[in-house]
Amino acid sequence: MAHIKAGGVTRGPKNNFAKRRGVKLYAGQKVKPGGIIVRQKGTKVHPGENVKMGKDFTIFAVKEGIVEFADKHSAKFVNVI
């Protein structure tokens, strides 16, 4: 018989899942109104023309057009032209 109580499982199943963040549409691609361009945590990319940011920092298009990325003052911006 064992004299030591069995320890708990150290490597059990994990309950976390991938957040699927990142750039969804790249420069030169077409986007429809409401189309998600970037999913992010924090403002790594800022909204520009014809683009808005959701409460979870998701950047989405307001108008139909073509996605464009620009650098201004050491910050990245997304525009829809």
PDB file of N, CA and C in Angstrom:
ATOM      1  N   MET A   1       0.832  -1.189   0.000  1.00  0.00           N
ATOM      2  CA  MET A   1       0.000   0.000   0.000  1.00  0.00           C
ATOM      3  C   MET A   1       0.873   1.247   0.000  1.00  0.00           C
ATOM      4  N   ALA A   2       0.354   2.268  -0.644  1.00  0.00           N
ATOM      5  CA  ALA A   2       1.110   3.513  -0.724  1.00  0.00           C
ATOM      6  C   ALA A   2       0.978   4.279   0.585  1.00  0.00           C
ATOM      7  N   HIS A   3       2.070   4.880   1.002  1.00  0.00           N
ATOM      8  CA  HIS A   3       2.065   5.656   2.235  1.00  0.00           C
ATOM      9  C   HIS A   3       2.002   7.157   1.981  1.00  0.00           C
ATOM     10  N   ILE A   4       2.058   7.561   0.691  1.00  0.00           N
ATOM     11  CA  ILE A   4       2.004   8.988   0.341  1.00  0.00           C
ATOM     12  C   ILE A   4       0.743   9.222  -0.476  1.00  0.00           C
ATOM     13  N   LYS A   5       0.012  10.255  -0.102  1.00  0.00           N
ATOM     14  CA  LYS A   5      -1.215  10.596  -0.817  1.00  0.00           C
ATOM     15  C   LYS A   5      -0.870  11.032  -2.249  1.00  0.00           C
ATOM     16  N   ALA A   6      -1.703  10.641  -3.191  1.00  0.00           N
ATOM     17  CA  ALA A   6      -1.459  10.981  -4.594  1.00  0.00           C
ATOM     18  C   ALA A   6      -1.544  12.485  -4.796  1.00  0.00           C
ATOM     19  N   GLY A   7      -0.589  13.042  -5.551  1.00  0.00           N
ATOM     20  CA  GLY A   7      -0.584  14.477  -5.854  1.00  0.00           C
ATOM     21  C   GLY A   7      -1.557  14.811  -6.969  1.00  0.00           C
ATOM     22  N   GLY A   8      -1.817  16.061  -7.126  1.00  0.00           N
ATOM     23  CA  GLY A   8      -2.717  16.512  -8.183  1.00  0.00           C
ATOM     24  C   GLY A   8      -2.053  16.432  -9.550  1.00  0.00           C
ATOM     25  N   VAL A   9      -2.848  16.535 -10.578  1.00  0.00           N
ATOM     26  CA  VAL A   9      -2.342  16.485 -11.949  1.00  0.00           C
ATOM     27  C   VAL A   9      -1.700  17.833 -12.264  1.00  0.00           C
ATOM     28  N   THR A  10      -0.460  17.806 -12.693  1.00  0.00           N
ATOM     29  CA  THR A  10       0.232  19.064 -12.977  1.00  0.00           C
ATOM     30  C   THR A  10       0.014  19.539 -14.399  1.00  0.00           C
ATOM     31  N   ARG A  11      -0.235  18.619 -15.304  1.00  0.00           N
ATOM     32  CA  ARG A  11      -0.432  19.002 -16.706  1.00  0.00           C
ATOM     33  C   ARG A  11      -1.777  18.500 -17.187  1.00  0.00           C
ATOM     34  N   GLY A  12      -2.821  19.149 -16.769  1.00  0.00           N
ATOM     35  CA  GLY A  12      -4.155  18.743 -17.162  1.00  0.00           C
ATOM     36  C   GLY A  12      -4.613  19.516 -18.390  1.00  0.00           C
ATOM     37  N   PRO A  13      -5.848  19.314 -18.802  1.00  0.00           N
ATOM     38  CA  PRO A  13      -6.373  20.043 -19.966  1.00  0.00           C
ATOM     39  C   PRO A  13      -6.510  21.534 -19.664  1.00  0.00           C
ATOM     40  N   LYS A  14      -6.181  22.335 -20.636  1.00  0.00           N
ATOM     41  CA  LYS A  14      -6.258  23.797 -20.482  1.00  0.00           C
ATOM     42  C   LYS A  14      -7.586  24.292 -21.060  1.00  0.00           C
ATOM     43  N   ASN A  15      -8.137  25.302 -20.456  1.00  0.00           N
ATOM     44  CA  ASN A  15      -9.428  25.823 -20.900  1.00  0.00           C
ATOM     45  C   ASN A  15      -9.320  27.117 -21.688  1.00  0.00           C
ATOM     46  N   ASN A  16      -8.101  27.576 -21.972  1.00  0.00           N
ATOM     47  CA  ASN A  16      -7.963  28.815 -22.734  1.00  0.00           C
ATOM     48  C   ASN A  16      -7.962  28.505 -24.231  1.00  0.00           C
ATOM     49  N   PHE A  17      -8.353  29.474 -25.030  1.00  0.00           N
ATOM     50  CA  PHE A  17      -8.417  29.300 -26.473  1.00  0.00           C
ATOM     51  C   PHE A  17      -7.809  30.514 -27.158  1.00  0.00           C
ATOM     52  N   ALA A  18      -7.410  30.357 -28.403  1.00  0.00           N
ATOM     53  CA  ALA A  18      -6.757  31.425 -29.163  1.00  0.00           C
ATOM     54  C   ALA A  18      -7.734  32.571 -29.393  1.00  0.00           C
ATOM     55  N   LYS A  19      -7.236  33.799 -29.343  1.00  0.00           N
ATOM     56  CA  LYS A  19      -8.081  34.978 -29.507  1.00  0.00           C
ATOM     57  C   LYS A  19      -8.249  35.381 -30.967  1.00  0.00           C
ATOM     58  N   ARG A  20      -7.448  34.832 -31.854  1.00  0.00           N
ATOM     59  CA  ARG A  20      -7.513  35.113 -33.298  1.00  0.00           C
ATOM     60  C   ARG A  20      -7.361  36.585 -33.605  1.00  0.00           C
ATOM     61  N   ARG A  21      -6.354  37.197 -32.993  1.00  0.00           N
ATOM     62  CA  ARG A  21      -6.063  38.605 -33.249  1.00  0.00           C
ATOM     63  C   ARG A  21      -5.149  38.737 -34.451  1.00  0.00           C
ATOM     64  N   GLY A  22      -5.017  39.973 -34.924  1.00  0.00           N
ATOM     65  CA  GLY A  22      -4.101  40.243 -36.026  1.00  0.00           C
ATOM     66  C   GLY A  22      -4.784  40.997 -37.144  1.00  0.00           C
ATOM     67  N   VAL A  23      -4.046  41.199 -38.221  1.00  0.00           N
ATOM     68  CA  VAL A  23      -4.559  41.914 -39.389  1.00  0.00           C
ATOM     69  C   VAL A  23      -5.393  40.948 -40.211  1.00  0.00           C
ATOM     70  N   LYS A  24      -6.632  41.331 -40.496  1.00  0.00           N
ATOM     71  CA  LYS A  24      -7.540  40.482 -41.254  1.00  0.00           C
ATOM     72  C   LYS A  24      -7.563  40.857 -42.733  1.00  0.00           C
ATOM     73  N   LEU A  25      -7.409  42.136 -43.048  1.00  0.00           N
ATOM     74  CA  LEU A  25      -7.342  42.595 -44.431  1.00  0.00           C
ATOM     75  C   LEU A  25      -6.085  43.454 -44.590  1.00  0.00           C
ATOM     76  N   TYR A  26      -5.313  43.172 -45.618  1.00  0.00           N
ATOM     77  CA  TYR A  26      -4.050  43.870 -45.834  1.00  0.00           C
ATOM     78  C   TYR A  26      -4.231  45.001 -46.843  1.00  0.00           C
ATOM     79  N   ALA A  27      -3.187  45.802 -47.018  1.00  0.00           N
ATOM     80  CA  ALA A  27      -3.217  46.952 -47.932  1.00  0.00           C
ATOM     81  C   ALA A  27      -3.517  46.481 -49.352  1.00  0.00           C
ATOM     82  N   GLY A  28      -4.406  47.210 -50.023  1.00  0.00           N
ATOM     83  CA  GLY A  28      -4.771  46.886 -51.394  1.00  0.00           C
ATOM     84  C   GLY A  28      -5.989  45.991 -51.506  1.00  0.00           C
ATOM     85  N   GLN A  29      -6.468  45.445 -50.395  1.00  0.00           N
ATOM     86  CA  GLN A  29      -7.641  44.575 -50.447  1.00  0.00           C
ATOM     87  C   GLN A  29      -8.921  45.389 -50.297  1.00  0.00           C
ATOM     88  N   LYS A  30      -9.995  44.895 -50.903  1.00  0.00           N
ATOM     89  CA  LYS A  30     -11.292  45.568 -50.835  1.00  0.00           C
ATOM     90  C   LYS A  30     -11.971  45.241 -49.508  1.00  0.00           C
ATOM     91  N   VAL A  31     -12.738  46.222 -49.011  1.00  0.00           N
ATOM     92  CA  VAL A  31     -13.470  46.018 -47.764  1.00  0.00           C
ATOM     93  C   VAL A  31     -14.864  46.615 -47.909  1.00  0.00           C
ATOM     94  N   LYS A  32     -15.836  45.965 -47.300  1.00  0.00           N
ATOM     95  CA  LYS A  32     -17.213  46.458 -47.289  1.00  0.00           C
ATOM     96  C   LYS A  32     -17.466  47.167 -45.967  1.00  0.00           C
ATOM     97  N   PRO A  33     -18.516  47.981 -45.876  1.00  0.00           N
ATOM     98  CA  PRO A  33     -18.825  48.644 -44.610  1.00  0.00           C
ATOM     99  C   PRO A  33     -19.073  47.627 -43.499  1.00  0.00           C
ATOM    100  N   GLY A  34     -18.422  47.825 -42.358  1.00  0.00           N
ATOM    101  CA  GLY A  34     -18.544  46.917 -41.235  1.00  0.00           C
ATOM    102  C   GLY A  34     -17.526  45.797 -41.257  1.00  0.00           C
ATOM    103  N   GLY A  35     -16.726  45.723 -42.308  1.00  0.00           N
ATOM    104  CA  GLY A  35     -15.720  44.674 -42.419  1.00  0.00           C
ATOM    105  C   GLY A  35     -14.570  44.914 -41.450  1.00  0.00           C
ATOM    106  N   ILE A  36     -14.152  43.858 -40.758  1.00  0.00           N
ATOM    107  CA  ILE A  36     -13.077  43.973 -39.772  1.00  0.00           C
ATOM    108  C   ILE A  36     -11.745  43.983 -40.495  1.00  0.00           C
ATOM    109  N   ILE A  37     -10.915  44.965 -40.144  1.00  0.00           N
ATOM    110  CA  ILE A  37      -9.590  45.099 -40.750  1.00  0.00           C
ATOM    111  C   ILE A  37      -8.523  44.577 -39.799  1.00  0.00           C
ATOM    112  N   VAL A  38      -8.576  44.981 -38.521  1.00  0.00           N
ATOM    113  CA  VAL A  38      -7.578  44.560 -37.540  1.00  0.00           C
ATOM    114  C   VAL A  38      -8.268  44.211 -36.227  1.00  0.00           C
ATOM    115  N   ARG A  39      -7.892  43.069 -35.651  1.00  0.00           N
ATOM    116  CA  ARG A  39      -8.292  42.726 -34.278  1.00  0.00           C
ATOM    117  C   ARG A  39      -7.038  42.824 -33.440  1.00  0.00           C
ATOM    118  N   GLN A  40      -7.103  43.585 -32.345  1.00  0.00           N
ATOM    119  CA  GLN A  40      -5.901  43.859 -31.569  1.00  0.00           C
ATOM    120  C   GLN A  40      -6.226  44.068 -30.107  1.00  0.00           C
ATOM    121  N   LYS A  41      -5.195  44.054 -29.286  1.00  0.00           N
ATOM    122  CA  LYS A  41      -5.313  44.377 -27.875  1.00  0.00           C
ATOM    123  C   LYS A  41      -4.553  45.672 -27.665  1.00  0.00           C
ATOM    124  N   GLY A  42      -5.273  46.737 -27.369  1.00  0.00           N
ATOM    125  CA  GLY A  42      -4.644  48.059 -27.291  1.00  0.00           C
ATOM    126  C   GLY A  42      -4.588  48.689 -28.667  1.00  0.00           C
ATOM    127  N   THR A  43      -4.053  49.903 -28.731  1.00  0.00           N
ATOM    128  CA  THR A  43      -4.014  50.633 -30.001  1.00  0.00           C
ATOM    129  C   THR A  43      -2.647  50.524 -30.649  1.00  0.00           C
ATOM    130  N   LYS A  44      -2.315  49.352 -31.156  1.00  0.00           N
ATOM    131  CA  LYS A  44      -1.096  49.198 -31.941  1.00  0.00           C
ATOM    132  C   LYS A  44      -1.286  49.865 -33.293  1.00  0.00           C
ATOM    133  N   VAL A  45      -2.521  49.785 -33.817  1.00  0.00           N
ATOM    134  CA  VAL A  45      -2.881  50.446 -35.072  1.00  0.00           C
ATOM    135  C   VAL A  45      -4.032  51.386 -34.762  1.00  0.00           C
ATOM    136  N   HIS A  46      -3.940  52.627 -35.257  1.00  0.00           N
ATOM    137  CA  HIS A  46      -4.952  53.644 -34.990  1.00  0.00           C
ATOM    138  C   HIS A  46      -5.890  53.789 -36.187  1.00  0.00           C
ATOM    139  N   PRO A  47      -7.141  54.172 -35.952  1.00  0.00           N
ATOM    140  CA  PRO A  47      -8.076  54.375 -37.058  1.00  0.00           C
ATOM    141  C   PRO A  47      -7.806  55.685 -37.783  1.00  0.00           C
ATOM    142  N   GLY A  48      -7.965  55.657 -39.106  1.00  0.00           N
ATOM    143  CA  GLY A  48      -7.782  56.854 -39.935  1.00  0.00           C
ATOM    144  C   GLY A  48      -9.080  57.224 -40.617  1.00  0.00           C
ATOM    145  N   GLU A  49      -9.000  57.531 -41.918  1.00  0.00           N
ATOM    146  CA  GLU A  49     -10.175  57.952 -42.678  1.00  0.00           C
ATOM    147  C   GLU A  49     -11.091  56.768 -42.970  1.00  0.00           C
ATOM    148  N   ASN A  50     -12.390  56.993 -42.822  1.00  0.00           N
ATOM    149  CA  ASN A  50     -13.438  56.006 -43.108  1.00  0.00           C
ATOM    150  C   ASN A  50     -13.281  54.719 -42.299  1.00  0.00           C
ATOM    151  N   VAL A  51     -12.675  54.838 -41.118  1.00  0.00           N
ATOM    152  CA  VAL A  51     -12.434  53.693 -40.253  1.00  0.00           C
ATOM    153  C   VAL A  51     -12.780  54.089 -38.825  1.00  0.00           C
ATOM    154  N   LYS A  52     -13.348  53.162 -38.057  1.00  0.00           N
ATOM    155  CA  LYS A  52     -13.647  53.409 -36.647  1.00  0.00           C
ATOM    156  C   LYS A  52     -13.092  52.282 -35.801  1.00  0.00           C
ATOM    157  N   MET A  53     -13.028  52.534 -34.476  1.00  0.00           N
ATOM    158  CA  MET A  53     -12.520  51.536 -33.547  1.00  0.00           C
ATOM    159  C   MET A  53     -13.627  51.134 -32.582  1.00  0.00           C
ATOM    160  N   GLY A  54     -13.786  49.818 -32.380  1.00  0.00           N
ATOM    161  CA  GLY A  54     -14.766  49.295 -31.439  1.00  0.00           C
ATOM    162  C   GLY A  54     -14.248  49.358 -30.020  1.00  0.00           C
ATOM    163  N   LYS A  55     -15.087  48.979 -29.058  1.00  0.00           N
ATOM    164  CA  LYS A  55     -14.706  49.065 -27.652  1.00  0.00           C
ATOM    165  C   LYS A  55     -13.638  48.051 -27.274  1.00  0.00           C
ATOM    166  N   ASP A  56     -13.477  46.994 -28.076  1.00  0.00           N
ATOM    167  CA  ASP A  56     -12.417  46.020 -27.828  1.00  0.00           C
ATOM    168  C   ASP A  56     -11.216  46.264 -28.744  1.00  0.00           C
ATOM    169  N   PHE A  57     -11.077  47.495 -29.231  1.00  0.00           N
ATOM    170  CA  PHE A  57      -9.969  47.964 -30.078  1.00  0.00           C
ATOM    171  C   PHE A  57      -9.987  47.352 -31.481  1.00  0.00           C
ATOM    172  N   THR A  58     -11.098  46.733 -31.880  1.00  0.00           N
ATOM    173  CA  THR A  58     -11.224  46.212 -33.237  1.00  0.00           C
ATOM    174  C   THR A  58     -11.400  47.368 -34.205  1.00  0.00           C
ATOM    175  N   ILE A  59     -10.639  47.365 -35.283  1.00  0.00           N
ATOM    176  CA  ILE A  59     -10.749  48.420 -36.292  1.00  0.00           C
ATOM    177  C   ILE A  59     -11.571  47.876 -37.452  1.00  0.00           C
ATOM    178  N   PHE A  60     -12.626  48.639 -37.836  1.00  0.00           N
ATOM    179  CA  PHE A  60     -13.521  48.204 -38.897  1.00  0.00           C
ATOM    180  C   PHE A  60     -13.817  49.355 -39.851  1.00  0.00           C
ATOM    181  N   ALA A  61     -14.226  49.012 -41.059  1.00  0.00           N
ATOM    182  CA  ALA A  61     -14.493  49.997 -42.102  1.00  0.00           C
ATOM    183  C   ALA A  61     -15.888  50.595 -41.933  1.00  0.00           C
ATOM    184  N   VAL A  62     -16.002  51.881 -42.266  1.00  0.00           N
ATOM    185  CA  VAL A  62     -17.291  52.570 -42.241  1.00  0.00           C
ATOM    186  C   VAL A  62     -17.862  52.653 -43.653  1.00  0.00           C
ATOM    187  N   LYS A  63     -16.972  52.783 -44.651  1.00  0.00           N
ATOM    188  CA  LYS A  63     -17.393  52.868 -46.049  1.00  0.00           C
ATOM    189  C   LYS A  63     -16.692  51.785 -46.860  1.00  0.00           C
ATOM    190  N   GLU A  64     -17.227  51.538 -48.036  1.00  0.00           N
ATOM    191  CA  GLU A  64     -16.613  50.571 -48.939  1.00  0.00           C
ATOM    192  C   GLU A  64     -15.406  51.195 -49.612  1.00  0.00           C
ATOM    193  N   GLY A  65     -14.353  50.419 -49.784  1.00  0.00           N
ATOM    194  CA  GLY A  65     -13.162  50.941 -50.440  1.00  0.00           C
ATOM    195  C   GLY A  65     -12.001  49.974 -50.343  1.00  0.00           C
ATOM    196  N   ILE A  66     -10.799  50.530 -50.457  1.00  0.00           N
ATOM    197  CA  ILE A  66      -9.565  49.739 -50.430  1.00  0.00           C
ATOM    198  C   ILE A  66      -8.764  50.110 -49.189  1.00  0.00           C
ATOM    199  N   VAL A  67      -8.222  49.105 -48.523  1.00  0.00           N
ATOM    200  CA  VAL A  67      -7.476  49.293 -47.279  1.00  0.00           C
ATOM    201  C   VAL A  67      -6.099  49.880 -47.582  1.00  0.00           C
ATOM    202  N   GLU A  68      -5.685  50.822 -46.731  1.00  0.00           N
ATOM    203  CA  GLU A  68      -4.369  51.440 -46.868  1.00  0.00           C
ATOM    204  C   GLU A  68      -3.778  51.642 -45.481  1.00  0.00           C
ATOM    205  N   PHE A  69      -2.518  51.282 -45.303  1.00  0.00           N
ATOM    206  CA  PHE A  69      -1.813  51.499 -44.046  1.00  0.00           C
ATOM    207  C   PHE A  69      -0.849  52.661 -44.226  1.00  0.00           C
ATOM    208  N   ALA A  70      -0.753  53.521 -43.201  1.00  0.00           N
ATOM    209  CA  ALA A  70       0.138  54.681 -43.265  1.00  0.00           C
ATOM    210  C   ALA A  70       0.839  54.867 -41.925  1.00  0.00           C
ATOM    211  N   ASP A  71       2.051  55.426 -41.977  1.00  0.00           N
ATOM    212  CA  ASP A  71       2.818  55.743 -40.772  1.00  0.00           C
ATOM    213  C   ASP A  71       2.848  57.253 -40.589  1.00  0.00           C
ATOM    214  N   LYS A  72       2.385  57.718 -39.437  1.00  0.00           N
ATOM    215  CA  LYS A  72       2.406  59.145 -39.105  1.00  0.00           C
ATOM    216  C   LYS A  72       2.921  59.302 -37.691  1.00  0.00           C
ATOM    217  N   HIS A  73       3.967  60.064 -37.528  1.00  0.00           N
ATOM    218  CA  HIS A  73       4.501  60.371 -36.196  1.00  0.00           C
ATOM    219  C   HIS A  73       4.773  59.101 -35.386  1.00  0.00           C
ATOM    220  N   SER A  74       5.443  58.153 -35.983  1.00  0.00           N
ATOM    221  CA  SER A  74       5.812  56.875 -35.359  1.00  0.00           C
ATOM    222  C   SER A  74       4.609  56.090 -34.855  1.00  0.00           C
ATOM    223  N   ALA A  75       3.475  56.205 -35.546  1.00  0.00           N
ATOM    224  CA  ALA A  75       2.288  55.419 -35.209  1.00  0.00           C
ATOM    225  C   ALA A  75       1.679  54.915 -36.520  1.00  0.00           C
ATOM    226  N   LYS A  76       1.087  53.724 -36.488  1.00  0.00           N
ATOM    227  CA  LYS A  76       0.468  53.152 -37.666  1.00  0.00           C
ATOM    228  C   LYS A  76      -1.004  53.525 -37.713  1.00  0.00           C
ATOM    229  N   PHE A  77      -1.472  53.897 -38.899  1.00  0.00           N
ATOM    230  CA  PHE A  77      -2.870  54.251 -39.120  1.00  0.00           C
ATOM    231  C   PHE A  77      -3.423  53.397 -40.247  1.00  0.00           C
ATOM    232  N   VAL A  78      -4.724  53.142 -40.201  1.00  0.00           N
ATOM    233  CA  VAL A  78      -5.425  52.423 -41.277  1.00  0.00           C
ATOM    234  C   VAL A  78      -6.437  53.359 -41.883  1.00  0.00           C
ATOM    235  N   ASN A  79      -6.449  53.428 -43.212  1.00  0.00           N
ATOM    236  CA  ASN A  79      -7.415  54.234 -43.951  1.00  0.00           C
ATOM    237  C   ASN A  79      -8.152  53.344 -44.944  1.00  0.00           C
ATOM    238  N   VAL A  80      -9.368  53.760 -45.288  1.00  0.00           N
ATOM    239  CA  VAL A  80     -10.118  53.132 -46.375  1.00  0.00           C
ATOM    240  C   VAL A  80     -10.368  54.208 -47.405  1.00  0.00           C
ATOM    241  N   ILE A  81      -9.888  53.967 -48.626  1.00  0.00           N
ATOM    242  CA  ILE A  81      -9.982  54.971 -49.689  1.00  0.00           C
ATOM    243  C   ILE A  81     -11.010  54.521 -50.706  1.00  0.00           C
TER     244      ILE A  81
END
